[in-house]
Amino acid sequence: MAVPARKTSKSRKNKRRAQHKIKGPAVYWNPELGEYTIGHHVSSKGFYKGKKVN
């Protein structure tokens, strides 16, 4: 079984864990609808990519 030759330092360990943060959804202002929307989702008024859906 493989065993590390050196102890992993606190700073190296924390640098690696810094990439595990949770990101929120990409919300942007849509001036055509006058509301905030999430990318790649249908808006509350039923528009997707500027076209009415269903």
PDB file of N, CA and C in Angstrom:
ATOM      1  N   MET A   1       0.839  -1.181   0.000  1.00  0.00           N
ATOM      2  CA  MET A   1       0.000   0.000   0.000  1.00  0.00           C
ATOM      3  C   MET A   1       0.884   1.243   0.000  1.00  0.00           C
ATOM      4  N   ALA A   2       0.499   2.240  -0.797  1.00  0.00           N
ATOM      5  CA  ALA A   2       1.295   3.449  -0.921  1.00  0.00           C
ATOM      6  C   ALA A   2       1.147   4.322   0.321  1.00  0.00           C
ATOM      7  N   VAL A   3       2.283   4.844   0.764  1.00  0.00           N
ATOM      8  CA  VAL A   3       2.297   5.721   1.934  1.00  0.00           C
ATOM      9  C   VAL A   3       2.994   7.015   1.525  1.00  0.00           C
ATOM     10  N   PRO A   4       2.422   8.179   1.871  1.00  0.00           N
ATOM     11  CA  PRO A   4       3.083   9.433   1.502  1.00  0.00           C
ATOM     12  C   PRO A   4       4.448   9.575   2.168  1.00  0.00           C
ATOM     13  N   ALA A   5       5.437  10.082   1.419  1.00  0.00           N
ATOM     14  CA  ALA A   5       6.778  10.246   1.947  1.00  0.00           C
ATOM     15  C   ALA A   5       6.865  11.447   2.893  1.00  0.00           C
ATOM     16  N   ARG A   6       5.999  12.438   2.680  1.00  0.00           N
ATOM     17  CA  ARG A   6       6.020  13.637   3.500  1.00  0.00           C
ATOM     18  C   ARG A   6       4.603  13.964   3.968  1.00  0.00           C
ATOM     19  N   LYS A   7       4.535  14.660   5.089  1.00  0.00           N
ATOM     20  CA  LYS A   7       3.245  15.119   5.589  1.00  0.00           C
ATOM     21  C   LYS A   7       2.742  16.252   4.700  1.00  0.00           C
ATOM     22  N   THR A   8       1.458  16.246   4.374  1.00  0.00           N
ATOM     23  CA  THR A   8       0.860  17.340   3.607  1.00  0.00           C
ATOM     24  C   THR A   8       0.660  18.531   4.534  1.00  0.00           C
ATOM     25  N   SER A   9       1.245  19.674   4.152  1.00  0.00           N
ATOM     26  CA  SER A   9       1.180  20.858   5.010  1.00  0.00           C
ATOM     27  C   SER A   9      -0.237  21.426   5.035  1.00  0.00           C
ATOM     28  N   LYS A  10      -0.506  22.250   6.048  1.00  0.00           N
ATOM     29  CA  LYS A  10      -1.826  22.868   6.180  1.00  0.00           C
ATOM     30  C   LYS A  10      -2.133  23.764   4.986  1.00  0.00           C
ATOM     31  N   SER A  11      -1.121  24.526   4.535  1.00  0.00           N
ATOM     32  CA  SER A  11      -1.361  25.447   3.425  1.00  0.00           C
ATOM     33  C   SER A  11      -1.644  24.688   2.135  1.00  0.00           C
ATOM     34  N   ARG A  12      -0.935  23.611   1.873  1.00  0.00           N
ATOM     35  CA  ARG A  12      -1.163  22.829   0.655  1.00  0.00           C
ATOM     36  C   ARG A  12      -2.541  22.168   0.694  1.00  0.00           C
ATOM     37  N   LYS A  13      -2.907  21.674   1.857  1.00  0.00           N
ATOM     38  CA  LYS A  13      -4.208  21.042   2.029  1.00  0.00           C
ATOM     39  C   LYS A  13      -5.332  22.056   1.814  1.00  0.00           C
ATOM     40  N   ASN A  14      -5.172  23.267   2.377  1.00  0.00           N
ATOM     41  CA  ASN A  14      -6.194  24.292   2.243  1.00  0.00           C
ATOM     42  C   ASN A  14      -6.273  24.851   0.824  1.00  0.00           C
ATOM     43  N   LYS A  15      -5.143  24.907   0.100  1.00  0.00           N
ATOM     44  CA  LYS A  15      -5.165  25.344  -1.297  1.00  0.00           C
ATOM     45  C   LYS A  15      -5.988  24.377  -2.137  1.00  0.00           C
ATOM     46  N   ARG A  16      -5.849  23.115  -1.881  1.00  0.00           N
ATOM     47  CA  ARG A  16      -6.609  22.106  -2.615  1.00  0.00           C
ATOM     48  C   ARG A  16      -8.093  22.213  -2.295  1.00  0.00           C
ATOM     49  N   ARG A  17      -8.425  22.419  -1.040  1.00  0.00           N
ATOM     50  CA  ARG A  17      -9.825  22.492  -0.618  1.00  0.00           C
ATOM     51  C   ARG A  17     -10.491  23.805  -1.033  1.00  0.00           C
ATOM     52  N   ALA A  18      -9.717  24.813  -1.388  1.00  0.00           N
ATOM     53  CA  ALA A  18     -10.286  26.097  -1.792  1.00  0.00           C
ATOM     54  C   ALA A  18     -11.095  25.967  -3.078  1.00  0.00           C
ATOM     55  N   GLN A  19     -10.845  24.929  -3.863  1.00  0.00           N
ATOM     56  CA  GLN A  19     -11.560  24.721  -5.126  1.00  0.00           C
ATOM     57  C   GLN A  19     -12.928  24.076  -4.915  1.00  0.00           C
ATOM     58  N   HIS A  20     -13.249  23.654  -3.707  1.00  0.00           N
ATOM     59  CA  HIS A  20     -14.487  22.924  -3.428  1.00  0.00           C
ATOM     60  C   HIS A  20     -15.635  23.823  -3.008  1.00  0.00           C
ATOM     61  N   LYS A  21     -15.491  25.123  -3.194  1.00  0.00           N
ATOM     62  CA  LYS A  21     -16.533  26.049  -2.745  1.00  0.00           C
ATOM     63  C   LYS A  21     -17.798  25.904  -3.600  1.00  0.00           C
ATOM     64  N   ILE A  22     -18.926  26.257  -3.024  1.00  0.00           N
ATOM     65  CA  ILE A  22     -20.209  26.172  -3.717  1.00  0.00           C
ATOM     66  C   ILE A  22     -20.482  27.501  -4.411  1.00  0.00           C
ATOM     67  N   LYS A  23     -20.861  27.435  -5.663  1.00  0.00           N
ATOM     68  CA  LYS A  23     -21.159  28.637  -6.435  1.00  0.00           C
ATOM     69  C   LYS A  23     -22.665  28.766  -6.597  1.00  0.00           C
ATOM     70  N   GLY A  24     -23.142  29.991  -6.560  1.00  0.00           N
ATOM     71  CA  GLY A  24     -24.559  30.247  -6.767  1.00  0.00           C
ATOM     72  C   GLY A  24     -24.912  30.239  -8.244  1.00  0.00           C
ATOM     73  N   PRO A  25     -26.202  30.263  -8.564  1.00  0.00           N
ATOM     74  CA  PRO A  25     -26.602  30.277  -9.970  1.00  0.00           C
ATOM     75  C   PRO A  25     -26.229  31.594 -10.639  1.00  0.00           C
ATOM     76  N   ALA A  26     -25.976  31.531 -11.927  1.00  0.00           N
ATOM     77  CA  ALA A  26     -25.620  32.725 -12.696  1.00  0.00           C
ATOM     78  C   ALA A  26     -26.896  33.478 -13.038  1.00  0.00           C
ATOM     79  N   VAL A  27     -27.235  34.478 -12.229  1.00  0.00           N
ATOM     80  CA  VAL A  27     -28.444  35.273 -12.418  1.00  0.00           C
ATOM     81  C   VAL A  27     -28.071  36.566 -13.126  1.00  0.00           C
ATOM     82  N   TYR A  28     -28.837  36.936 -14.159  1.00  0.00           N
ATOM     83  CA  TYR A  28     -28.553  38.183 -14.857  1.00  0.00           C
ATOM     84  C   TYR A  28     -29.853  38.934 -15.134  1.00  0.00           C
ATOM     85  N   TRP A  29     -29.749  40.239 -15.358  1.00  0.00           N
ATOM     86  CA  TRP A  29     -30.905  41.092 -15.611  1.00  0.00           C
ATOM     87  C   TRP A  29     -31.289  40.998 -17.080  1.00  0.00           C
ATOM     88  N   ASN A  30     -32.565  40.697 -17.366  1.00  0.00           N
ATOM     89  CA  ASN A  30     -33.074  40.630 -18.725  1.00  0.00           C
ATOM     90  C   ASN A  30     -33.910  41.883 -18.973  1.00  0.00           C
ATOM     91  N   PRO A  31     -33.408  42.848 -19.759  1.00  0.00           N
ATOM     92  CA  PRO A  31     -34.143  44.102 -19.966  1.00  0.00           C
ATOM     93  C   PRO A  31     -35.417  43.926 -20.788  1.00  0.00           C
ATOM     94  N   GLU A  32     -35.473  42.893 -21.642  1.00  0.00           N
ATOM     95  CA  GLU A  32     -36.674  42.680 -22.464  1.00  0.00           C
ATOM     96  C   GLU A  32     -37.877  42.313 -21.597  1.00  0.00           C
ATOM     97  N   LEU A  33     -37.636  41.485 -20.576  1.00  0.00           N
ATOM     98  CA  LEU A  33     -38.725  41.039 -19.696  1.00  0.00           C
ATOM     99  C   LEU A  33     -38.832  41.908 -18.453  1.00  0.00           C
ATOM    100  N   GLY A  34     -37.770  42.644 -18.138  1.00  0.00           N
ATOM    101  CA  GLY A  34     -37.774  43.486 -16.943  1.00  0.00           C
ATOM    102  C   GLY A  34     -37.676  42.691 -15.659  1.00  0.00           C
ATOM    103  N   GLU A  35     -36.916  41.580 -15.690  1.00  0.00           N
ATOM    104  CA  GLU A  35     -36.758  40.746 -14.497  1.00  0.00           C
ATOM    105  C   GLU A  35     -35.421  40.022 -14.548  1.00  0.00           C
ATOM    106  N   TYR A  36     -35.043  39.461 -13.420  1.00  0.00           N
ATOM    107  CA  TYR A  36     -33.831  38.656 -13.350  1.00  0.00           C
ATOM    108  C   TYR A  36     -34.148  37.227 -13.817  1.00  0.00           C
ATOM    109  N   THR A  37     -33.236  36.632 -14.575  1.00  0.00           N
ATOM    110  CA  THR A  37     -33.431  35.268 -15.043  1.00  0.00           C
ATOM    111  C   THR A  37     -32.157  34.466 -14.839  1.00  0.00           C
ATOM    112  N   ILE A  38     -32.303  33.158 -14.831  1.00  0.00           N
ATOM    113  CA  ILE A  38     -31.181  32.229 -14.732  1.00  0.00           C
ATOM    114  C   ILE A  38     -30.881  31.732 -16.142  1.00  0.00           C
ATOM    115  N   GLY A  39     -29.618  31.666 -16.505  1.00  0.00           N
ATOM    116  CA  GLY A  39     -29.234  31.215 -17.828  1.00  0.00           C
ATOM    117  C   GLY A  39     -29.684  29.787 -18.105  1.00  0.00           C
ATOM    118  N   HIS A  40     -30.084  29.515 -19.358  1.00  0.00           N
ATOM    119  CA  HIS A  40     -30.520  28.200 -19.817  1.00  0.00           C
ATOM    120  C   HIS A  40     -31.781  27.720 -19.104  1.00  0.00           C
ATOM    121  N   HIS A  41     -32.634  28.637 -18.672  1.00  0.00           N
ATOM    122  CA  HIS A  41     -33.903  28.290 -18.035  1.00  0.00           C
ATOM    123  C   HIS A  41     -35.019  29.132 -18.650  1.00  0.00           C
ATOM    124  N   VAL A  42     -36.221  28.599 -18.632  1.00  0.00           N
ATOM    125  CA  VAL A  42     -37.388  29.341 -19.101  1.00  0.00           C
ATOM    126  C   VAL A  42     -37.745  30.372 -18.041  1.00  0.00           C
ATOM    127  N   SER A  43     -38.042  31.604 -18.471  1.00  0.00           N
ATOM    128  CA  SER A  43     -38.385  32.660 -17.520  1.00  0.00           C
ATOM    129  C   SER A  43     -39.776  32.417 -16.954  1.00  0.00           C
ATOM    130  N   SER A  44     -40.139  33.214 -15.950  1.00  0.00           N
ATOM    131  CA  SER A  44     -41.450  33.062 -15.317  1.00  0.00           C
ATOM    132  C   SER A  44     -42.581  33.440 -16.267  1.00  0.00           C
ATOM    133  N   LYS A  45     -42.272  34.228 -17.307  1.00  0.00           N
ATOM    134  CA  LYS A  45     -43.288  34.628 -18.291  1.00  0.00           C
ATOM    135  C   LYS A  45     -43.329  33.685 -19.497  1.00  0.00           C
ATOM    136  N   GLY A  46     -42.518  32.620 -19.485  1.00  0.00           N
ATOM    137  CA  GLY A  46     -42.559  31.609 -20.541  1.00  0.00           C
ATOM    138  C   GLY A  46     -41.676  31.883 -21.735  1.00  0.00           C
ATOM    139  N   PHE A  47     -40.608  32.669 -21.572  1.00  0.00           N
ATOM    140  CA  PHE A  47     -39.705  32.961 -22.677  1.00  0.00           C
ATOM    141  C   PHE A  47     -38.388  32.208 -22.504  1.00  0.00           C
ATOM    142  N   TYR A  48     -37.836  31.739 -23.632  1.00  0.00           N
ATOM    143  CA  TYR A  48     -36.519  31.104 -23.654  1.00  0.00           C
ATOM    144  C   TYR A  48     -35.803  31.575 -24.912  1.00  0.00           C
ATOM    145  N   LYS A  49     -34.621  32.160 -24.756  1.00  0.00           N
ATOM    146  CA  LYS A  49     -33.842  32.732 -25.858  1.00  0.00           C
ATOM    147  C   LYS A  49     -34.658  33.742 -26.665  1.00  0.00           C
ATOM    148  N   GLY A  50     -35.501  34.544 -25.986  1.00  0.00           N
ATOM    149  CA  GLY A  50     -36.257  35.588 -26.637  1.00  0.00           C
ATOM    150  C   GLY A  50     -37.518  35.122 -27.340  1.00  0.00           C
ATOM    151  N   LYS A  51     -37.853  33.820 -27.258  1.00  0.00           N
ATOM    152  CA  LYS A  51     -39.042  33.294 -27.924  1.00  0.00           C
ATOM    153  C   LYS A  51     -40.014  32.739 -26.886  1.00  0.00           C
ATOM    154  N   LYS A  52     -41.295  32.865 -27.180  1.00  0.00           N
ATOM    155  CA  LYS A  52     -42.335  32.334 -26.304  1.00  0.00           C
ATOM    156  C   LYS A  52     -42.367  30.806 -26.428  1.00  0.00           C
ATOM    157  N   VAL A  53     -42.359  30.116 -25.274  1.00  0.00           N
ATOM    158  CA  VAL A  53     -42.381  28.655 -25.270  1.00  0.00           C
ATOM    159  C   VAL A  53     -43.679  28.217 -24.602  1.00  0.00           C
ATOM    160  N   ASN A  54     -44.399  27.309 -25.238  1.00  0.00           N
ATOM    161  CA  ASN A  54     -45.684  26.783 -24.727  1.00  0.00           C
ATOM    162  C   ASN A  54     -46.597  27.887 -24.294  1.00  0.00           C
TER     163      ASN A  54
END
